[in-house]
Amino acid sequence: MAYGLMGRVHAEAAWLWRRLTALAAGERGQGTVEYVALILLVAVVLAILAVMLVTLVFLLLAQEVHALIGLTARKVIVRVFGVLLAAIAVQSIFNGITASHIFS
């Protein structure tokens, strides 16, 4: 999945580079369709940057949150996330079995 995403980002960046060099050279393209694609690409990049910023803030505040909550709350959080992780793992196994069509 990550390689596909990196390939898509590389393809979009290459397209953007070609488009910007064509615009700088004064060439005309398909018009509105290319501008909409450019706007969507910029929106995706901005969304990724926003998520990265929020993640950075959470990581920088982790020490303060750790000191703020008590030992019992930390134990409860660990248990809840452990159960959630186990549920996701079981669901992944069921999805794999269903997709393999072993029992159908």
PDB file of N, CA and C in Angstrom:
ATOM      1  N   MET A   1       0.818  -1.185   0.000  1.00  0.00           N
ATOM      2  CA  MET A   1       0.000   0.000   0.000  1.00  0.00           C
ATOM      3  C   MET A   1       0.869   1.259   0.000  1.00  0.00           C
ATOM      4  N   ALA A   2       1.944   1.241   0.793  1.00  0.00           N
ATOM      5  CA  ALA A   2       2.786   2.429   0.878  1.00  0.00           C
ATOM      6  C   ALA A   2       3.506   2.678  -0.437  1.00  0.00           C
ATOM      7  N   TYR A   3       3.930   1.584  -1.128  1.00  0.00           N
ATOM      8  CA  TYR A   3       4.607   1.763  -2.400  1.00  0.00           C
ATOM      9  C   TYR A   3       3.664   2.336  -3.449  1.00  0.00           C
ATOM     10  N   GLY A   4       2.419   1.900  -3.426  1.00  0.00           N
ATOM     11  CA  GLY A   4       1.433   2.450  -4.354  1.00  0.00           C
ATOM     12  C   GLY A   4       1.193   3.927  -4.093  1.00  0.00           C
ATOM     13  N   LEU A   5       1.117   4.290  -2.821  1.00  0.00           N
ATOM     14  CA  LEU A   5       0.917   5.688  -2.466  1.00  0.00           C
ATOM     15  C   LEU A   5       2.122   6.529  -2.872  1.00  0.00           C
ATOM     16  N   MET A   6       3.327   6.006  -2.624  1.00  0.00           N
ATOM     17  CA  MET A   6       4.529   6.746  -3.011  1.00  0.00           C
ATOM     18  C   MET A   6       4.607   6.892  -4.532  1.00  0.00           C
ATOM     19  N   GLY A   7       4.204   5.838  -5.265  1.00  0.00           N
ATOM     20  CA  GLY A   7       4.194   5.924  -6.718  1.00  0.00           C
ATOM     21  C   GLY A   7       3.207   6.953  -7.207  1.00  0.00           C
ATOM     22  N   ARG A   8       2.043   6.988  -6.576  1.00  0.00           N
ATOM     23  CA  ARG A   8       1.014   7.966  -6.959  1.00  0.00           C
ATOM     24  C   ARG A   8       1.503   9.389  -6.690  1.00  0.00           C
ATOM     25  N   VAL A   9       2.110   9.602  -5.519  1.00  0.00           N
ATOM     26  CA  VAL A   9       2.627  10.932  -5.179  1.00  0.00           C
ATOM     27  C   VAL A   9       3.723  11.331  -6.162  1.00  0.00           C
ATOM     28  N   HIS A  10       4.598  10.375  -6.518  1.00  0.00           N
ATOM     29  CA  HIS A  10       5.662  10.675  -7.482  1.00  0.00           C
ATOM     30  C   HIS A  10       5.077  11.024  -8.842  1.00  0.00           C
ATOM     31  N   ALA A  11       4.067  10.280  -9.272  1.00  0.00           N
ATOM     32  CA  ALA A  11       3.444  10.563 -10.566  1.00  0.00           C
ATOM     33  C   ALA A  11       2.781  11.939 -10.564  1.00  0.00           C
ATOM     34  N   GLU A  12       2.105  12.269  -9.469  1.00  0.00           N
ATOM     35  CA  GLU A  12       1.454  13.580  -9.385  1.00  0.00           C
ATOM     36  C   GLU A  12       2.498  14.700  -9.348  1.00  0.00           C
ATOM     37  N   ALA A  13       3.588  14.476  -8.622  1.00  0.00           N
ATOM     38  CA  ALA A  13       4.638  15.493  -8.560  1.00  0.00           C
ATOM     39  C   ALA A  13       5.299  15.675  -9.923  1.00  0.00           C
ATOM     40  N   ALA A  14       5.513  14.571 -10.656  1.00  0.00           N
ATOM     41  CA  ALA A  14       6.098  14.669 -11.996  1.00  0.00           C
ATOM     42  C   ALA A  14       5.154  15.408 -12.937  1.00  0.00           C
ATOM     43  N   TRP A  15       3.857  15.097 -12.829  1.00  0.00           N
ATOM     44  CA  TRP A  15       2.871  15.793 -13.666  1.00  0.00           C
ATOM     45  C   TRP A  15       2.868  17.284 -13.337  1.00  0.00           C
ATOM     46  N   LEU A  16       2.914  17.598 -12.043  1.00  0.00           N
ATOM     47  CA  LEU A  16       2.907  19.001 -11.626  1.00  0.00           C
ATOM     48  C   LEU A  16       4.148  19.716 -12.154  1.00  0.00           C
ATOM     49  N   TRP A  17       5.302  19.062 -12.082  1.00  0.00           N
ATOM     50  CA  TRP A  17       6.533  19.668 -12.595  1.00  0.00           C
ATOM     51  C   TRP A  17       6.436  19.926 -14.093  1.00  0.00           C
ATOM     52  N   ARG A  18       5.927  18.941 -14.852  1.00  0.00           N
ATOM     53  CA  ARG A  18       5.759  19.136 -16.300  1.00  0.00           C
ATOM     54  C   ARG A  18       4.790  20.271 -16.591  1.00  0.00           C
ATOM     55  N   ARG A  19       3.729  20.326 -15.823  1.00  0.00           N
ATOM     56  CA  ARG A  19       2.709  21.365 -16.045  1.00  0.00           C
ATOM     57  C   ARG A  19       3.278  22.744 -15.742  1.00  0.00           C
ATOM     58  N   LEU A  20       4.016  22.869 -14.647  1.00  0.00           N
ATOM     59  CA  LEU A  20       4.573  24.174 -14.284  1.00  0.00           C
ATOM     60  C   LEU A  20       5.627  24.625 -15.292  1.00  0.00           C
ATOM     61  N   THR A  21       6.450  23.686 -15.776  1.00  0.00           N
ATOM     62  CA  THR A  21       7.431  24.065 -16.794  1.00  0.00           C
ATOM     63  C   THR A  21       6.749  24.430 -18.098  1.00  0.00           C
ATOM     64  N   ALA A  22       5.636  23.754 -18.426  1.00  0.00           N
ATOM     65  CA  ALA A  22       4.896  24.099 -19.644  1.00  0.00           C
ATOM     66  C   ALA A  22       4.263  25.482 -19.509  1.00  0.00           C
ATOM     67  N   LEU A  23       3.740  25.775 -18.328  1.00  0.00           N
ATOM     68  CA  LEU A  23       3.154  27.102 -18.114  1.00  0.00           C
ATOM     69  C   LEU A  23       4.222  28.184 -18.185  1.00  0.00           C
ATOM     70  N   ALA A  24       5.408  27.881 -17.643  1.00  0.00           N
ATOM     71  CA  ALA A  24       6.488  28.862 -17.684  1.00  0.00           C
ATOM     72  C   ALA A  24       6.950  29.098 -19.122  1.00  0.00           C
ATOM     73  N   ALA A  25       6.848  28.063 -19.955  1.00  0.00           N
ATOM     74  CA  ALA A  25       7.245  28.201 -21.356  1.00  0.00           C
ATOM     75  C   ALA A  25       6.149  28.840 -22.196  1.00  0.00           C
ATOM     76  N   GLY A  26       4.985  29.026 -21.630  1.00  0.00           N
ATOM     77  CA  GLY A  26       3.901  29.687 -22.347  1.00  0.00           C
ATOM     78  C   GLY A  26       3.011  28.744 -23.125  1.00  0.00           C
ATOM     79  N   GLU A  27       3.123  27.421 -22.902  1.00  0.00           N
ATOM     80  CA  GLU A  27       2.277  26.462 -23.602  1.00  0.00           C
ATOM     81  C   GLU A  27       0.899  26.433 -22.957  1.00  0.00           C
ATOM     82  N   ARG A  28      -0.098  26.139 -23.785  1.00  0.00           N
ATOM     83  CA  ARG A  28      -1.470  26.042 -23.297  1.00  0.00           C
ATOM     84  C   ARG A  28      -1.846  24.573 -23.177  1.00  0.00           C
ATOM     85  N   GLY A  29      -2.586  24.214 -22.134  1.00  0.00           N
ATOM     86  CA  GLY A  29      -2.977  22.826 -21.912  1.00  0.00           C
ATOM     87  C   GLY A  29      -4.463  22.631 -22.095  1.00  0.00           C
ATOM     88  N   GLN A  30      -5.014  21.691 -21.361  1.00  0.00           N
ATOM     89  CA  GLN A  30      -6.426  21.356 -21.473  1.00  0.00           C
ATOM     90  C   GLN A  30      -7.316  22.320 -20.702  1.00  0.00           C
ATOM     91  N   GLY A  31      -6.749  23.226 -19.993  1.00  0.00           N
ATOM     92  CA  GLY A  31      -7.552  24.252 -19.332  1.00  0.00           C
ATOM     93  C   GLY A  31      -8.043  23.839 -17.967  1.00  0.00           C
ATOM     94  N   THR A  32      -9.352  23.902 -17.796  1.00  0.00           N
ATOM     95  CA  THR A  32      -9.981  23.762 -16.492  1.00  0.00           C
ATOM     96  C   THR A  32      -9.669  22.433 -15.830  1.00  0.00           C
ATOM     97  N   VAL A  33      -9.615  21.359 -16.595  1.00  0.00           N
ATOM     98  CA  VAL A  33      -9.368  20.044 -16.009  1.00  0.00           C
ATOM     99  C   VAL A  33      -8.013  20.012 -15.310  1.00  0.00           C
ATOM    100  N   GLU A  34      -7.013  20.578 -15.919  1.00  0.00           N
ATOM    101  CA  GLU A  34      -5.692  20.575 -15.311  1.00  0.00           C
ATOM    102  C   GLU A  34      -5.642  21.458 -14.071  1.00  0.00           C
ATOM    103  N   TYR A  35      -6.359  22.558 -14.084  1.00  0.00           N
ATOM    104  CA  TYR A  35      -6.367  23.426 -12.909  1.00  0.00           C
ATOM    105  C   TYR A  35      -7.099  22.771 -11.746  1.00  0.00           C
ATOM    106  N   VAL A  36      -8.169  22.043 -12.032  1.00  0.00           N
ATOM    107  CA  VAL A  36      -8.882  21.326 -10.974  1.00  0.00           C
ATOM    108  C   VAL A  36      -7.979  20.252 -10.380  1.00  0.00           C
ATOM    109  N   ALA A  37      -7.250  19.536 -11.233  1.00  0.00           N
ATOM    110  CA  ALA A  37      -6.324  18.521 -10.733  1.00  0.00           C
ATOM    111  C   ALA A  37      -5.233  19.165  -9.884  1.00  0.00           C
ATOM    112  N   LEU A  38      -4.755  20.316 -10.299  1.00  0.00           N
ATOM    113  CA  LEU A  38      -3.730  21.017  -9.532  1.00  0.00           C
ATOM    114  C   LEU A  38      -4.278  21.450  -8.175  1.00  0.00           C
ATOM    115  N   ILE A  39      -5.491  21.949  -8.151  1.00  0.00           N
ATOM    116  CA  ILE A  39      -6.112  22.368  -6.892  1.00  0.00           C
ATOM    117  C   ILE A  39      -6.302  21.170  -5.973  1.00  0.00           C
ATOM    118  N   LEU A  40      -6.738  20.039  -6.529  1.00  0.00           N
ATOM    119  CA  LEU A  40      -6.918  18.842  -5.706  1.00  0.00           C
ATOM    120  C   LEU A  40      -5.586  18.341  -5.166  1.00  0.00           C
ATOM    121  N   LEU A  41      -4.546  18.398  -5.975  1.00  0.00           N
ATOM    122  CA  LEU A  41      -3.222  17.980  -5.508  1.00  0.00           C
ATOM    123  C   LEU A  41      -2.745  18.880  -4.376  1.00  0.00           C
ATOM    124  N   VAL A  42      -2.931  20.160  -4.518  1.00  0.00           N
ATOM    125  CA  VAL A  42      -2.544  21.098  -3.454  1.00  0.00           C
ATOM    126  C   VAL A  42      -3.362  20.826  -2.191  1.00  0.00           C
ATOM    127  N   ALA A  43      -4.650  20.513  -2.351  1.00  0.00           N
ATOM    128  CA  ALA A  43      -5.490  20.216  -1.192  1.00  0.00           C
ATOM    129  C   ALA A  43      -5.007  18.963  -0.469  1.00  0.00           C
ATOM    130  N   VAL A  44      -4.625  17.949  -1.227  1.00  0.00           N
ATOM    131  CA  VAL A  44      -4.125  16.719  -0.601  1.00  0.00           C
ATOM    132  C   VAL A  44      -2.819  16.977   0.137  1.00  0.00           C
ATOM    133  N   VAL A  45      -1.929  17.729  -0.477  1.00  0.00           N
ATOM    134  CA  VAL A  45      -0.655  18.041   0.171  1.00  0.00           C
ATOM    135  C   VAL A  45      -0.897  18.842   1.452  1.00  0.00           C
ATOM    136  N   LEU A  46      -1.809  19.802   1.404  1.00  0.00           N
ATOM    137  CA  LEU A  46      -2.123  20.587   2.603  1.00  0.00           C
ATOM    138  C   LEU A  46      -2.751  19.724   3.694  1.00  0.00           C
ATOM    139  N   ALA A  47      -3.598  18.775   3.310  1.00  0.00           N
ATOM    140  CA  ALA A  47      -4.199  17.870   4.298  1.00  0.00           C
ATOM    141  C   ALA A  47      -3.131  17.006   4.952  1.00  0.00           C
ATOM    142  N   ILE A  48      -2.190  16.508   4.154  1.00  0.00           N
ATOM    143  CA  ILE A  48      -1.107  15.702   4.713  1.00  0.00           C
ATOM    144  C   ILE A  48      -0.266  16.542   5.675  1.00  0.00           C
ATOM    145  N   LEU A  49       0.028  17.770   5.301  1.00  0.00           N
ATOM    146  CA  LEU A  49       0.798  18.645   6.184  1.00  0.00           C
ATOM    147  C   LEU A  49       0.045  18.954   7.477  1.00  0.00           C
ATOM    148  N   ALA A  50      -1.277  19.117   7.384  1.00  0.00           N
ATOM    149  CA  ALA A  50      -2.077  19.376   8.582  1.00  0.00           C
ATOM    150  C   ALA A  50      -2.045  18.183   9.527  1.00  0.00           C
ATOM    151  N   VAL A  51      -2.162  16.979   8.967  1.00  0.00           N
ATOM    152  CA  VAL A  51      -2.103  15.776   9.801  1.00  0.00           C
ATOM    153  C   VAL A  51      -0.727  15.646  10.441  1.00  0.00           C
ATOM    154  N   MET A  52       0.318  15.954   9.680  1.00  0.00           N
ATOM    155  CA  MET A  52       1.668  15.898  10.238  1.00  0.00           C
ATOM    156  C   MET A  52       1.834  16.905  11.377  1.00  0.00           C
ATOM    157  N   LEU A  53       1.265  18.086  11.229  1.00  0.00           N
ATOM    158  CA  LEU A  53       1.356  19.100  12.269  1.00  0.00           C
ATOM    159  C   LEU A  53       0.619  18.674  13.530  1.00  0.00           C
ATOM    160  N   VAL A  54      -0.585  18.131  13.370  1.00  0.00           N
ATOM    161  CA  VAL A  54      -1.348  17.662  14.531  1.00  0.00           C
ATOM    162  C   VAL A  54      -0.600  16.533  15.236  1.00  0.00           C
ATOM    163  N   THR A  55      -0.010  15.624  14.469  1.00  0.00           N
ATOM    164  CA  THR A  55       0.767  14.536  15.055  1.00  0.00           C
ATOM    165  C   THR A  55       1.967  15.074  15.828  1.00  0.00           C
ATOM    166  N   LEU A  56       2.638  16.067  15.258  1.00  0.00           N
ATOM    167  CA  LEU A  56       3.772  16.677  15.947  1.00  0.00           C
ATOM    168  C   LEU A  56       3.347  17.307  17.277  1.00  0.00           C
ATOM    169  N   VAL A  57       2.228  18.003  17.267  1.00  0.00           N
ATOM    170  CA  VAL A  57       1.728  18.628  18.497  1.00  0.00           C
ATOM    171  C   VAL A  57       1.423  17.564  19.544  1.00  0.00           C
ATOM    172  N   PHE A  58       0.760  16.472  19.119  1.00  0.00           N
ATOM    173  CA  PHE A  58       0.456  15.401  20.068  1.00  0.00           C
ATOM    174  C   PHE A  58       1.724  14.770  20.623  1.00  0.00           C
ATOM    175  N   LEU A  59       2.717  14.571  19.786  1.00  0.00           N
ATOM    176  CA  LEU A  59       3.964  13.982  20.264  1.00  0.00           C
ATOM    177  C   LEU A  59       4.703  14.924  21.211  1.00  0.00           C
ATOM    178  N   LEU A  60       4.654  16.212  20.951  1.00  0.00           N
ATOM    179  CA  LEU A  60       5.313  17.168  21.837  1.00  0.00           C
ATOM    180  C   LEU A  60       4.595  17.299  23.176  1.00  0.00           C
ATOM    181  N   LEU A  61       3.281  17.083  23.187  1.00  0.00           N
ATOM    182  CA  LEU A  61       2.507  17.195  24.421  1.00  0.00           C
ATOM    183  C   LEU A  61       2.398  15.876  25.175  1.00  0.00           C
ATOM    184  N   ALA A  62       3.002  14.809  24.674  1.00  0.00           N
ATOM    185  CA  ALA A  62       2.856  13.492  25.303  1.00  0.00           C
ATOM    186  C   ALA A  62       3.388  13.475  26.724  1.00  0.00           C
ATOM    187  N   GLN A  63       4.501  14.143  26.980  1.00  0.00           N
ATOM    188  CA  GLN A  63       5.061  14.172  28.338  1.00  0.00           C
ATOM    189  C   GLN A  63       4.098  14.825  29.330  1.00  0.00           C
ATOM    190  N   GLU A  64       3.502  15.927  28.922  1.00  0.00           N
ATOM    191  CA  GLU A  64       2.580  16.634  29.812  1.00  0.00           C
ATOM    192  C   GLU A  64       1.326  15.806  30.072  1.00  0.00           C
ATOM    193  N   VAL A  65       0.804  15.170  29.033  1.00  0.00           N
ATOM    194  CA  VAL A  65      -0.387  14.331  29.210  1.00  0.00           C
ATOM    195  C   VAL A  65      -0.051  13.140  30.100  1.00  0.00           C
ATOM    196  N   HIS A  66       1.123  12.574  29.911  1.00  0.00           N
ATOM    197  CA  HIS A  66       1.553  11.436  30.728  1.00  0.00           C
ATOM    198  C   HIS A  66       1.629  11.834  32.203  1.00  0.00           C
ATOM    199  N   ALA A  67       2.129  13.009  32.478  1.00  0.00           N
ATOM    200  CA  ALA A  67       2.221  13.471  33.861  1.00  0.00           C
ATOM    201  C   ALA A  67       0.854  13.870  34.412  1.00  0.00           C
ATOM    202  N   LEU A  68      -0.050  14.298  33.532  1.00  0.00           N
ATOM    203  CA  LEU A  68      -1.357  14.786  33.966  1.00  0.00           C
ATOM    204  C   LEU A  68      -2.276  13.651  34.407  1.00  0.00           C
ATOM    205  N   ILE A  69      -2.311  12.563  33.645  1.00  0.00           N
ATOM    206  CA  ILE A  69      -3.212  11.467  33.999  1.00  0.00           C
ATOM    207  C   ILE A  69      -2.528  10.565  35.016  1.00  0.00           C
ATOM    208  N   GLY A  70      -3.340   9.893  35.784  1.00  0.00           N
ATOM    209  CA  GLY A  70      -2.803   9.046  36.838  1.00  0.00           C
ATOM    210  C   GLY A  70      -2.443   7.654  36.347  1.00  0.00           C
ATOM    211  N   LEU A  71      -1.931   6.863  37.263  1.00  0.00           N
ATOM    212  CA  LEU A  71      -1.511   5.505  36.944  1.00  0.00           C
ATOM    213  C   LEU A  71      -2.707   4.647  36.541  1.00  0.00           C
ATOM    214  N   THR A  72      -3.827   4.804  37.254  1.00  0.00           N
ATOM    215  CA  THR A  72      -5.017   4.008  36.949  1.00  0.00           C
ATOM    216  C   THR A  72      -5.540   4.329  35.553  1.00  0.00           C
ATOM    217  N   ALA A  73      -5.571   5.603  35.207  1.00  0.00           N
ATOM    218  CA  ALA A  73      -6.043   5.995  33.883  1.00  0.00           C
ATOM    219  C   ALA A  73      -5.141   5.432  32.787  1.00  0.00           C
ATOM    220  N   ARG A  74      -3.837   5.409  33.035  1.00  0.00           N
ATOM    221  CA  ARG A  74      -2.910   4.840  32.041  1.00  0.00           C
ATOM    222  C   ARG A  74      -3.155   3.351  31.871  1.00  0.00           C
ATOM    223  N   LYS A  75      -3.387   2.654  32.964  1.00  0.00           N
ATOM    224  CA  LYS A  75      -3.660   1.217  32.880  1.00  0.00           C
ATOM    225  C   LYS A  75      -4.955   0.946  32.121  1.00  0.00           C
ATOM    226  N   VAL A  76      -5.969   1.769  32.361  1.00  0.00           N
ATOM    227  CA  VAL A  76      -7.243   1.609  31.656  1.00  0.00           C
ATOM    228  C   VAL A  76      -7.055   1.855  30.169  1.00  0.00           C
ATOM    229  N   ILE A  77      -6.306   2.896  29.818  1.00  0.00           N
ATOM    230  CA  ILE A  77      -6.069   3.218  28.409  1.00  0.00           C
ATOM    231  C   ILE A  77      -5.320   2.082  27.723  1.00  0.00           C
ATOM    232  N   VAL A  78      -4.314   1.526  28.400  1.00  0.00           N
ATOM    233  CA  VAL A  78      -3.551   0.415  27.825  1.00  0.00           C
ATOM    234  C   VAL A  78      -4.453  -0.789  27.600  1.00  0.00           C
ATOM    235  N   ARG A  79      -5.309  -1.089  28.555  1.00  0.00           N
ATOM    236  CA  ARG A  79      -6.217  -2.243  28.413  1.00  0.00           C
ATOM    237  C   ARG A  79      -7.211  -2.019  27.280  1.00  0.00           C
ATOM    238  N   VAL A  80      -7.795  -0.828  27.204  1.00  0.00           N
ATOM    239  CA  VAL A  80      -8.780  -0.543  26.149  1.00  0.00           C
ATOM    240  C   VAL A  80      -8.139  -0.645  24.772  1.00  0.00           C
ATOM    241  N   PHE A  81      -6.951  -0.064  24.621  1.00  0.00           N
ATOM    242  CA  PHE A  81      -6.287  -0.136  23.319  1.00  0.00           C
ATOM    243  C   PHE A  81      -5.827  -1.561  23.009  1.00  0.00           C
ATOM    244  N   GLY A  82      -5.497  -2.332  24.042  1.00  0.00           N
ATOM    245  CA  GLY A  82      -5.154  -3.734  23.818  1.00  0.00           C
ATOM    246  C   GLY A  82      -6.336  -4.518  23.287  1.00  0.00           C
ATOM    247  N   VAL A  83      -7.504  -4.302  23.885  1.00  0.00           N
ATOM    248  CA  VAL A  83      -8.714  -4.973  23.400  1.00  0.00           C
ATOM    249  C   VAL A  83      -9.051  -4.511  21.986  1.00  0.00           C
ATOM    250  N   LEU A  84      -8.901  -3.220  21.711  1.00  0.00           N
ATOM    251  CA  LEU A  84      -9.171  -2.697  20.376  1.00  0.00           C
ATOM    252  C   LEU A  84      -8.218  -3.307  19.346  1.00  0.00           C
ATOM    253  N   LEU A  85      -6.953  -3.418  19.696  1.00  0.00           N
ATOM    254  CA  LEU A  85      -5.981  -4.018  18.792  1.00  0.00           C
ATOM    255  C   LEU A  85      -6.292  -5.488  18.541  1.00  0.00           C
ATOM    256  N   ALA A  86      -6.705  -6.207  19.580  1.00  0.00           N
ATOM    257  CA  ALA A  86      -7.072  -7.613  19.411  1.00  0.00           C
ATOM    258  C   ALA A  86      -8.300  -7.746  18.510  1.00  0.00           C
ATOM    259  N   ALA A  87      -9.265  -6.851  18.669  1.00  0.00           N
ATOM    260  CA  ALA A  87     -10.462  -6.894  17.826  1.00  0.00           C
ATOM    261  C   ALA A  87     -10.112  -6.625  16.369  1.00  0.00           C
ATOM    262  N   ILE A  88      -9.223  -5.681  16.123  1.00  0.00           N
ATOM    263  CA  ILE A  88      -8.801  -5.395  14.748  1.00  0.00           C
ATOM    264  C   ILE A  88      -8.068  -6.591  14.156  1.00  0.00           C
ATOM    265  N   ALA A  89      -7.241  -7.257  14.974  1.00  0.00           N
ATOM    266  CA  ALA A  89      -6.507  -8.434  14.496  1.00  0.00           C
ATOM    267  C   ALA A  89      -7.460  -9.559  14.126  1.00  0.00           C
ATOM    268  N   VAL A  90      -8.450  -9.817  14.968  1.00  0.00           N
ATOM    269  CA  VAL A  90      -9.429 -10.869  14.682  1.00  0.00           C
ATOM    270  C   VAL A  90     -10.229 -10.527  13.440  1.00  0.00           C
ATOM    271  N   GLN A  91     -10.612  -9.263  13.289  1.00  0.00           N
ATOM    272  CA  GLN A  91     -11.359  -8.852  12.101  1.00  0.00           C
ATOM    273  C   GLN A  91     -10.522  -9.025  10.845  1.00  0.00           C
ATOM    274  N   SER A  92      -9.223  -8.740  10.925  1.00  0.00           N
ATOM    275  CA  SER A  92      -8.337  -8.936   9.773  1.00  0.00           C
ATOM    276  C   SER A  92      -8.246 -10.403   9.395  1.00  0.00           C
ATOM    277  N   ILE A  93      -8.175 -11.269  10.391  1.00  0.00           N
ATOM    278  CA  ILE A  93      -8.142 -12.705  10.113  1.00  0.00           C
ATOM    279  C   ILE A  93      -9.433 -13.138   9.440  1.00  0.00           C
ATOM    280  N   PHE A  94     -10.573 -12.700   9.951  1.00  0.00           N
ATOM    281  CA  PHE A  94     -11.857 -13.057   9.333  1.00  0.00           C
ATOM    282  C   PHE A  94     -11.958 -12.523   7.914  1.00  0.00           C
ATOM    283  N   ASN A  95     -11.477 -11.291   7.695  1.00  0.00           N
ATOM    284  CA  ASN A  95     -11.503 -10.735   6.338  1.00  0.00           C
ATOM    285  C   ASN A  95     -10.636 -11.554   5.393  1.00  0.00           C
ATOM    286  N   GLY A  96      -9.477 -12.013   5.879  1.00  0.00           N
ATOM    287  CA  GLY A  96      -8.606 -12.840   5.050  1.00  0.00           C
ATOM    288  C   GLY A  96      -9.237 -14.177   4.717  1.00  0.00           C
ATOM    289  N   ILE A  97      -9.877 -14.794   5.691  1.00  0.00           N
ATOM    290  CA  ILE A  97     -10.546 -16.079   5.450  1.00  0.00           C
ATOM    291  C   ILE A  97     -11.697 -15.895   4.473  1.00  0.00           C
ATOM    292  N   THR A  98     -12.452 -14.820   4.643  1.00  0.00           N
ATOM    293  CA  THR A  98     -13.564 -14.559   3.732  1.00  0.00           C
ATOM    294  C   THR A  98     -13.074 -14.300   2.314  1.00  0.00           C
ATOM    295  N   ALA A  99     -11.994 -13.552   2.175  1.00  0.00           N
ATOM    296  CA  ALA A  99     -11.481 -13.227   0.854  1.00  0.00           C
ATOM    297  C   ALA A  99     -10.845 -14.433   0.168  1.00  0.00           C
ATOM    298  N   SER A 100     -10.407 -15.429   0.946  1.00  0.00           N
ATOM    299  CA  SER A 100      -9.779 -16.598   0.340  1.00  0.00           C
ATOM    300  C   SER A 100     -10.798 -17.590  -0.188  1.00  0.00           C
ATOM    301  N   HIS A 101     -12.069 -17.469   0.184  1.00  0.00           N
ATOM    302  CA  HIS A 101     -13.172 -18.327  -0.278  1.00  0.00           C
ATOM    303  C   HIS A 101     -12.931 -19.797   0.086  1.00  0.00           C
ATOM    304  N   ILE A 102     -12.323 -20.037   1.241  1.00  0.00           N
ATOM    305  CA  ILE A 102     -12.068 -21.405   1.671  1.00  0.00           C
ATOM    306  C   ILE A 102     -13.380 -22.115   2.030  1.00  0.00           C
ATOM    307  N   PHE A 103     -14.279 -21.423   2.697  1.00  0.00           N
ATOM    308  CA  PHE A 103     -15.490 -22.031   3.211  1.00  0.00           C
ATOM    309  C   PHE A 103     -16.717 -21.740   2.360  1.00  0.00           C
ATOM    310  N   SER A 104     -16.530 -21.387   1.112  1.00  0.00           N
ATOM    311  CA  SER A 104     -17.725 -21.110   0.289  1.00  0.00           C
ATOM    312  C   SER A 104     -17.803 -22.003  -0.912  1.00  0.00           C
TER     313      SER A 104
END
